[in-house]
N, C-alpha and C. Protein backbone atom coordinates (compact mmCIF):
# COMPACT_ATOMS: atom_id res chain seq x y z
N UNK A 1 55.16 153.06 63.56
CA UNK A 1 55.97 154.25 63.61
C UNK A 1 55.30 155.26 64.55
N UNK A 2 56.06 155.87 65.44
CA UNK A 2 55.55 156.83 66.42
C UNK A 2 55.39 158.20 65.76
N UNK A 3 54.26 158.83 66.07
CA UNK A 3 54.02 160.18 65.55
C UNK A 3 54.70 161.17 66.49
N UNK A 4 55.55 161.99 65.97
CA UNK A 4 56.29 162.96 66.78
C UNK A 4 55.75 164.36 66.49
N UNK A 5 55.16 164.97 67.53
CA UNK A 5 54.60 166.31 67.35
C UNK A 5 55.65 167.37 67.09
N UNK A 6 56.88 167.12 67.53
CA UNK A 6 57.91 168.15 67.40
C UNK A 6 58.46 168.22 65.98
N UNK A 7 58.31 167.15 65.21
CA UNK A 7 58.79 167.16 63.83
C UNK A 7 57.79 167.91 62.96
N UNK A 8 58.25 168.94 62.30
CA UNK A 8 57.37 169.73 61.45
C UNK A 8 57.58 169.28 60.01
N UNK A 9 56.74 168.34 59.58
CA UNK A 9 56.88 167.78 58.23
C UNK A 9 56.01 168.49 57.22
N UNK A 10 55.24 169.46 57.67
CA UNK A 10 54.36 170.17 56.76
C UNK A 10 54.17 171.60 57.24
N UNK A 11 53.80 172.44 56.34
CA UNK A 11 53.53 173.83 56.70
C UNK A 11 52.05 174.08 56.88
N UNK A 12 51.26 173.03 56.98
CA UNK A 12 49.81 173.14 57.12
C UNK A 12 49.48 173.81 58.46
N UNK A 13 48.89 175.00 58.46
CA UNK A 13 48.59 175.70 59.72
C UNK A 13 47.60 174.94 60.61
N UNK A 14 46.69 174.19 60.00
CA UNK A 14 45.74 173.42 60.81
C UNK A 14 46.46 172.32 61.58
N UNK A 15 47.39 171.65 60.92
CA UNK A 15 48.16 170.59 61.57
C UNK A 15 49.04 171.18 62.67
N UNK A 16 49.60 172.32 62.41
CA UNK A 16 50.42 173.00 63.43
C UNK A 16 49.58 173.35 64.66
N UNK A 17 48.35 173.80 64.43
CA UNK A 17 47.45 174.12 65.54
C UNK A 17 47.10 172.87 66.34
N UNK A 18 46.83 171.77 65.66
CA UNK A 18 46.54 170.50 66.35
C UNK A 18 47.73 170.09 67.20
N UNK A 19 48.93 170.20 66.66
CA UNK A 19 50.14 169.84 67.42
C UNK A 19 50.31 170.73 68.65
N UNK A 20 50.06 172.02 68.46
CA UNK A 20 50.18 172.95 69.57
C UNK A 20 49.17 172.60 70.67
N UNK A 21 47.95 172.31 70.28
CA UNK A 21 46.92 171.94 71.26
C UNK A 21 47.30 170.67 72.01
N UNK A 22 47.86 169.69 71.30
CA UNK A 22 48.29 168.46 71.96
C UNK A 22 49.35 168.74 73.02
N UNK A 23 50.30 169.62 72.68
CA UNK A 23 51.35 169.96 73.65
C UNK A 23 50.75 170.65 74.87
N UNK A 24 49.81 171.55 74.67
CA UNK A 24 49.15 172.25 75.78
C UNK A 24 48.39 171.25 76.65
N UNK A 25 47.67 170.33 76.02
CA UNK A 25 46.92 169.32 76.78
C UNK A 25 47.87 168.46 77.59
N UNK A 26 48.97 168.04 77.01
CA UNK A 26 49.94 167.21 77.74
C UNK A 26 50.50 167.97 78.94
N UNK A 27 50.86 169.24 78.74
CA UNK A 27 51.39 170.04 79.85
C UNK A 27 50.34 170.21 80.94
N UNK A 28 49.11 170.48 80.55
CA UNK A 28 48.02 170.64 81.50
C UNK A 28 47.80 169.36 82.30
N UNK A 29 47.82 168.23 81.62
CA UNK A 29 47.64 166.95 82.31
C UNK A 29 48.78 166.72 83.30
N UNK A 30 50.00 167.03 82.91
CA UNK A 30 51.15 166.86 83.79
C UNK A 30 51.03 167.76 85.01
N UNK A 31 50.64 169.01 84.81
CA UNK A 31 50.45 169.92 85.93
C UNK A 31 49.34 169.43 86.86
N UNK A 32 48.26 168.90 86.28
CA UNK A 32 47.16 168.38 87.07
C UNK A 32 47.62 167.22 87.94
N UNK A 33 48.41 166.32 87.38
CA UNK A 33 48.94 165.18 88.14
C UNK A 33 49.84 165.67 89.26
N UNK A 34 50.71 166.63 88.97
CA UNK A 34 51.61 167.18 90.00
C UNK A 34 50.81 167.85 91.10
N UNK A 35 49.80 168.64 90.74
CA UNK A 35 48.98 169.33 91.73
C UNK A 35 48.24 168.32 92.60
N UNK A 36 47.74 167.25 91.99
CA UNK A 36 47.04 166.21 92.75
C UNK A 36 47.96 165.55 93.74
N UNK A 37 49.18 165.25 93.32
CA UNK A 37 50.15 164.63 94.22
C UNK A 37 50.48 165.57 95.37
N UNK A 38 50.68 166.85 95.06
CA UNK A 38 51.00 167.83 96.10
C UNK A 38 49.85 167.95 97.09
N UNK A 39 48.63 168.02 96.59
CA UNK A 39 47.46 168.12 97.47
C UNK A 39 47.33 166.87 98.33
N UNK A 40 47.49 165.72 97.73
CA UNK A 40 47.39 164.47 98.48
C UNK A 40 48.47 164.40 99.55
N UNK A 41 49.69 164.77 99.22
CA UNK A 41 50.77 164.77 100.22
C UNK A 41 50.46 165.76 101.35
N UNK A 42 49.87 166.89 101.01
CA UNK A 42 49.49 167.88 102.03
C UNK A 42 48.41 167.32 102.94
N UNK A 43 47.45 166.60 102.38
CA UNK A 43 46.40 166.00 103.19
C UNK A 43 46.97 164.93 104.11
N UNK A 44 47.90 164.15 103.62
CA UNK A 44 48.52 163.10 104.43
C UNK A 44 49.31 163.72 105.58
N UNK A 45 50.00 164.82 105.32
CA UNK A 45 50.83 165.47 106.33
C UNK A 45 50.03 166.29 107.35
N UNK A 46 48.83 166.70 106.99
CA UNK A 46 48.04 167.59 107.84
C UNK A 46 47.48 166.89 109.07
N UNK A 47 47.27 167.67 110.11
CA UNK A 47 46.55 167.18 111.30
C UNK A 47 45.06 167.47 111.17
N UNK A 48 44.76 168.59 110.49
CA UNK A 48 43.38 169.06 110.35
C UNK A 48 43.10 169.30 108.87
N UNK A 49 41.93 168.88 108.42
CA UNK A 49 41.51 169.08 107.03
C UNK A 49 40.14 169.74 107.04
N UNK A 50 40.01 170.81 106.28
CA UNK A 50 38.73 171.49 106.12
C UNK A 50 38.21 171.19 104.73
N UNK A 51 37.03 170.60 104.66
CA UNK A 51 36.38 170.35 103.38
C UNK A 51 35.28 171.40 103.24
N UNK A 52 35.43 172.28 102.27
CA UNK A 52 34.49 173.38 102.09
C UNK A 52 33.96 173.35 100.66
N UNK A 53 32.67 173.65 100.53
CA UNK A 53 32.08 173.62 99.20
C UNK A 53 30.84 174.50 99.12
N UNK A 54 30.67 175.15 97.98
CA UNK A 54 29.35 175.71 97.71
C UNK A 54 28.44 174.52 97.37
N UNK A 55 27.18 174.66 97.65
CA UNK A 55 26.23 173.57 97.40
C UNK A 55 25.32 173.97 96.24
N UNK A 56 25.39 173.17 95.20
CA UNK A 56 24.54 173.37 94.03
C UNK A 56 23.63 172.15 93.92
N UNK A 57 22.34 172.35 93.94
CA UNK A 57 21.38 171.26 93.84
C UNK A 57 21.65 170.17 94.88
N UNK A 58 22.03 170.64 96.07
CA UNK A 58 22.19 169.80 97.27
C UNK A 58 23.31 168.78 97.18
N UNK A 59 24.34 169.09 96.43
CA UNK A 59 25.52 168.24 96.37
C UNK A 59 26.78 169.08 96.41
N UNK A 60 27.89 168.44 96.72
CA UNK A 60 29.17 169.15 96.75
C UNK A 60 29.59 169.54 95.33
N UNK A 61 30.43 170.53 95.23
CA UNK A 61 30.87 171.00 93.92
C UNK A 61 31.80 169.98 93.27
N UNK A 62 31.93 170.07 91.98
CA UNK A 62 32.76 169.14 91.20
C UNK A 62 34.22 169.20 91.61
N UNK A 63 34.70 170.38 91.97
CA UNK A 63 36.10 170.51 92.34
C UNK A 63 36.41 169.71 93.61
N UNK A 64 35.53 169.79 94.60
CA UNK A 64 35.76 169.01 95.82
C UNK A 64 35.61 167.53 95.55
N UNK A 65 34.66 167.16 94.71
CA UNK A 65 34.50 165.75 94.34
C UNK A 65 35.77 165.23 93.68
N UNK A 66 36.38 166.04 92.83
CA UNK A 66 37.63 165.65 92.18
C UNK A 66 38.74 165.46 93.20
N UNK A 67 38.85 166.38 94.14
CA UNK A 67 39.87 166.24 95.21
C UNK A 67 39.67 164.92 95.94
N UNK A 68 38.46 164.64 96.34
CA UNK A 68 38.17 163.39 97.07
C UNK A 68 38.49 162.19 96.19
N UNK A 69 38.08 162.21 94.94
CA UNK A 69 38.34 161.08 94.05
C UNK A 69 39.84 160.83 93.86
N UNK A 70 40.61 161.89 93.86
CA UNK A 70 42.05 161.73 93.62
C UNK A 70 42.81 161.24 94.84
N UNK A 71 42.14 161.07 95.95
CA UNK A 71 42.80 160.50 97.13
C UNK A 71 42.78 158.97 97.10
N UNK A 72 42.04 158.39 96.16
CA UNK A 72 41.82 156.94 96.17
C UNK A 72 43.13 156.15 96.18
N UNK A 73 44.15 156.63 95.52
CA UNK A 73 45.41 155.88 95.44
C UNK A 73 46.07 155.70 96.81
N UNK A 74 45.86 156.66 97.71
CA UNK A 74 46.54 156.59 99.01
C UNK A 74 45.61 156.99 100.16
N UNK A 75 44.33 156.76 100.01
CA UNK A 75 43.39 157.21 101.03
C UNK A 75 43.69 156.59 102.40
N UNK A 76 44.28 155.40 102.43
CA UNK A 76 44.58 154.77 103.72
C UNK A 76 45.66 155.53 104.48
N UNK A 77 46.43 156.34 103.79
CA UNK A 77 47.46 157.15 104.46
C UNK A 77 46.87 158.42 105.07
N UNK A 78 45.64 158.75 104.73
CA UNK A 78 44.97 159.93 105.31
C UNK A 78 44.28 159.44 106.59
N UNK A 79 45.09 159.20 107.60
CA UNK A 79 44.59 158.58 108.83
C UNK A 79 44.72 159.52 110.02
N UNK A 80 43.80 159.35 110.97
CA UNK A 80 43.83 160.07 112.24
C UNK A 80 43.84 161.59 112.05
N UNK A 81 42.93 162.06 111.25
CA UNK A 81 42.80 163.49 110.95
C UNK A 81 41.53 164.04 111.59
N UNK A 82 41.57 165.32 111.92
CA UNK A 82 40.37 166.05 112.33
C UNK A 82 39.79 166.73 111.10
N UNK A 83 38.48 166.62 110.94
CA UNK A 83 37.81 167.21 109.78
C UNK A 83 36.79 168.25 110.21
N UNK A 84 36.78 169.34 109.47
CA UNK A 84 35.77 170.39 109.60
C UNK A 84 35.10 170.52 108.24
N UNK A 85 33.80 170.74 108.25
CA UNK A 85 33.04 170.91 107.02
C UNK A 85 32.45 172.31 106.98
N UNK A 86 32.56 172.95 105.83
CA UNK A 86 31.93 174.25 105.60
C UNK A 86 31.14 174.15 104.30
N UNK A 87 29.85 174.42 104.37
CA UNK A 87 28.99 174.40 103.18
C UNK A 87 28.25 175.73 103.08
N UNK A 88 28.13 176.22 101.87
CA UNK A 88 27.38 177.45 101.64
C UNK A 88 26.34 177.19 100.56
N UNK A 89 25.19 177.84 100.71
CA UNK A 89 24.11 177.66 99.74
C UNK A 89 23.13 178.81 99.84
N UNK A 90 22.33 178.93 98.80
CA UNK A 90 21.31 179.98 98.77
C UNK A 90 20.13 179.67 99.68
N UNK A 91 19.88 178.39 99.93
CA UNK A 91 18.73 178.03 100.76
C UNK A 91 18.88 178.63 102.15
N UNK A 92 17.75 178.87 102.80
CA UNK A 92 17.77 179.55 104.08
C UNK A 92 17.82 178.66 105.30
N UNK A 93 17.81 177.34 105.12
CA UNK A 93 17.84 176.45 106.29
C UNK A 93 18.92 175.39 106.13
N UNK A 94 19.30 174.80 107.26
CA UNK A 94 20.36 173.79 107.28
C UNK A 94 19.89 172.44 106.76
N UNK A 95 18.64 172.12 106.99
CA UNK A 95 18.14 170.78 106.71
C UNK A 95 18.45 170.29 105.28
N UNK A 96 18.21 171.10 104.24
CA UNK A 96 18.50 170.61 102.89
C UNK A 96 19.99 170.34 102.63
N UNK A 97 20.86 170.92 103.46
CA UNK A 97 22.30 170.75 103.26
C UNK A 97 22.83 169.46 103.88
N UNK A 98 21.97 168.77 104.62
CA UNK A 98 22.41 167.52 105.26
C UNK A 98 22.84 166.48 104.24
N UNK A 99 22.23 166.47 103.06
CA UNK A 99 22.66 165.52 102.02
C UNK A 99 24.13 165.73 101.67
N UNK A 100 24.51 166.98 101.56
CA UNK A 100 25.90 167.30 101.24
C UNK A 100 26.82 166.85 102.37
N UNK A 101 26.41 167.14 103.59
CA UNK A 101 27.21 166.73 104.75
C UNK A 101 27.35 165.21 104.79
N UNK A 102 26.28 164.51 104.50
CA UNK A 102 26.34 163.04 104.47
C UNK A 102 27.31 162.55 103.39
N UNK A 103 27.37 163.25 102.27
CA UNK A 103 28.33 162.90 101.23
C UNK A 103 29.76 163.07 101.71
N UNK A 104 30.03 164.15 102.46
CA UNK A 104 31.36 164.36 103.02
C UNK A 104 31.67 163.29 104.07
N UNK A 105 30.67 162.95 104.85
CA UNK A 105 30.86 161.89 105.85
C UNK A 105 31.12 160.54 105.18
N UNK A 106 30.54 160.35 104.01
CA UNK A 106 30.81 159.12 103.27
C UNK A 106 32.29 158.97 102.97
N UNK A 107 32.92 160.07 102.62
CA UNK A 107 34.37 160.06 102.38
C UNK A 107 35.12 159.81 103.68
N UNK A 108 34.83 160.60 104.71
CA UNK A 108 35.61 160.47 105.95
C UNK A 108 35.38 159.13 106.65
N UNK A 109 34.23 158.50 106.40
CA UNK A 109 33.98 157.19 107.01
C UNK A 109 34.91 156.11 106.46
N UNK A 110 35.52 156.38 105.33
CA UNK A 110 36.48 155.43 104.74
C UNK A 110 37.89 155.62 105.28
N UNK A 111 38.09 156.65 106.07
CA UNK A 111 39.42 156.99 106.55
C UNK A 111 39.59 156.53 108.00
N UNK A 112 40.67 155.87 108.29
CA UNK A 112 40.95 155.39 109.63
C UNK A 112 41.14 156.56 110.60
N UNK A 113 40.41 156.53 111.68
CA UNK A 113 40.60 157.53 112.75
C UNK A 113 40.13 158.93 112.43
N UNK A 114 39.33 159.12 111.39
CA UNK A 114 38.82 160.46 111.06
C UNK A 114 37.86 160.92 112.15
N UNK A 115 38.02 162.18 112.58
CA UNK A 115 37.15 162.75 113.61
C UNK A 115 36.49 164.01 113.06
N UNK A 116 35.17 164.02 113.05
CA UNK A 116 34.44 165.21 112.64
C UNK A 116 34.41 166.17 113.82
N UNK A 117 34.96 167.38 113.61
CA UNK A 117 35.09 168.33 114.71
C UNK A 117 34.13 169.51 114.63
N UNK A 118 33.59 169.77 113.45
CA UNK A 118 32.67 170.90 113.36
C UNK A 118 32.12 171.09 111.96
N UNK A 119 30.95 171.74 111.92
CA UNK A 119 30.29 172.04 110.65
C UNK A 119 29.82 173.48 110.69
N UNK A 120 30.03 174.18 109.60
CA UNK A 120 29.47 175.53 109.43
C UNK A 120 28.53 175.47 108.24
N UNK A 121 27.30 175.90 108.48
CA UNK A 121 26.28 175.96 107.43
C UNK A 121 26.12 177.42 107.00
N UNK A 122 26.60 177.74 105.84
CA UNK A 122 26.48 179.10 105.32
C UNK A 122 25.22 179.24 104.49
N UNK A 123 24.10 179.33 105.16
CA UNK A 123 22.81 179.41 104.46
C UNK A 123 22.50 180.84 104.04
N UNK A 124 21.65 180.97 103.03
CA UNK A 124 21.21 182.28 102.57
C UNK A 124 22.26 183.06 101.80
N UNK A 125 23.25 182.37 101.25
CA UNK A 125 24.31 183.03 100.50
C UNK A 125 24.09 182.80 99.01
N UNK A 126 23.42 183.73 98.38
CA UNK A 126 23.11 183.61 96.96
C UNK A 126 24.06 184.44 96.11
N UNK A 127 24.26 185.67 96.47
CA UNK A 127 25.11 186.58 95.70
C UNK A 127 26.52 186.62 96.30
N UNK A 128 27.47 187.01 95.47
CA UNK A 128 28.84 187.18 95.94
C UNK A 128 28.83 188.17 97.10
N UNK A 129 29.46 187.79 98.20
CA UNK A 129 29.55 188.65 99.37
C UNK A 129 28.44 188.47 100.39
N UNK A 130 27.38 187.76 100.02
CA UNK A 130 26.27 187.54 100.97
C UNK A 130 26.74 186.90 102.27
N UNK A 131 27.69 186.01 102.19
CA UNK A 131 28.13 185.27 103.37
C UNK A 131 28.73 186.19 104.43
N UNK A 132 29.25 187.33 104.01
CA UNK A 132 29.90 188.26 104.96
C UNK A 132 28.94 188.77 106.02
N UNK A 133 27.64 188.82 105.70
CA UNK A 133 26.66 189.32 106.66
C UNK A 133 25.89 188.18 107.35
N UNK A 134 26.29 186.97 107.14
CA UNK A 134 25.61 185.82 107.73
C UNK A 134 26.37 185.33 108.96
N UNK A 135 25.68 184.70 109.90
CA UNK A 135 26.34 184.17 111.10
C UNK A 135 27.45 183.16 110.77
N UNK A 136 27.32 182.46 109.65
CA UNK A 136 28.31 181.44 109.29
C UNK A 136 29.71 182.03 109.13
N UNK A 137 29.78 183.27 108.71
CA UNK A 137 31.09 183.90 108.52
C UNK A 137 31.84 183.96 109.84
N UNK A 138 31.17 184.43 110.86
CA UNK A 138 31.78 184.51 112.20
C UNK A 138 32.01 183.12 112.78
N UNK A 139 31.08 182.19 112.53
CA UNK A 139 31.24 180.81 113.01
C UNK A 139 32.50 180.18 112.44
N UNK A 140 32.72 180.37 111.15
CA UNK A 140 33.91 179.81 110.51
C UNK A 140 35.18 180.42 111.08
N UNK A 141 35.13 181.71 111.33
CA UNK A 141 36.29 182.40 111.91
C UNK A 141 36.59 181.83 113.30
N UNK A 142 35.58 181.73 114.12
CA UNK A 142 35.75 181.21 115.48
C UNK A 142 36.21 179.75 115.46
N UNK A 143 35.65 178.97 114.57
CA UNK A 143 36.04 177.57 114.46
C UNK A 143 37.52 177.48 114.07
N UNK A 144 37.95 178.33 113.17
CA UNK A 144 39.36 178.36 112.77
C UNK A 144 40.29 178.72 113.91
N UNK A 145 39.85 179.64 114.74
CA UNK A 145 40.68 180.03 115.89
C UNK A 145 40.84 178.88 116.88
N UNK A 146 39.86 178.00 116.94
CA UNK A 146 39.90 176.91 117.93
C UNK A 146 40.77 175.73 117.47
N UNK A 147 41.21 175.74 116.25
CA UNK A 147 42.00 174.62 115.74
C UNK A 147 43.43 174.70 116.26
């Protein structure tokens, strides 16, 4: 017998709360699937893709990792794209950020015809707004104008 959350067979407030949470989780999962499809379709349709991430402990953020992971179903359709990478971190030099860049290249190396067109290293950005006074801010702006 199927359990139906919409049937209210009891007045137990705890059970009602569990049912409400299940409905919220289902809606959230549905929205997540729709957003993933929309993002994937946008990546397939785009000529240029910018992969940008703050760098924590020398790796890309979880949100970008999730975006990349969700392309697996149709990654072969993300073909012949130009890629730009933007990374920001508190460290003051570019060298430690190369691990992150290599991780992004690992993704693009799986894509047919992917071309790396530019990288912006936003070093020395620890506090909110720090990047505004760094050369990377202007570099990203100029790189965007050239696309």
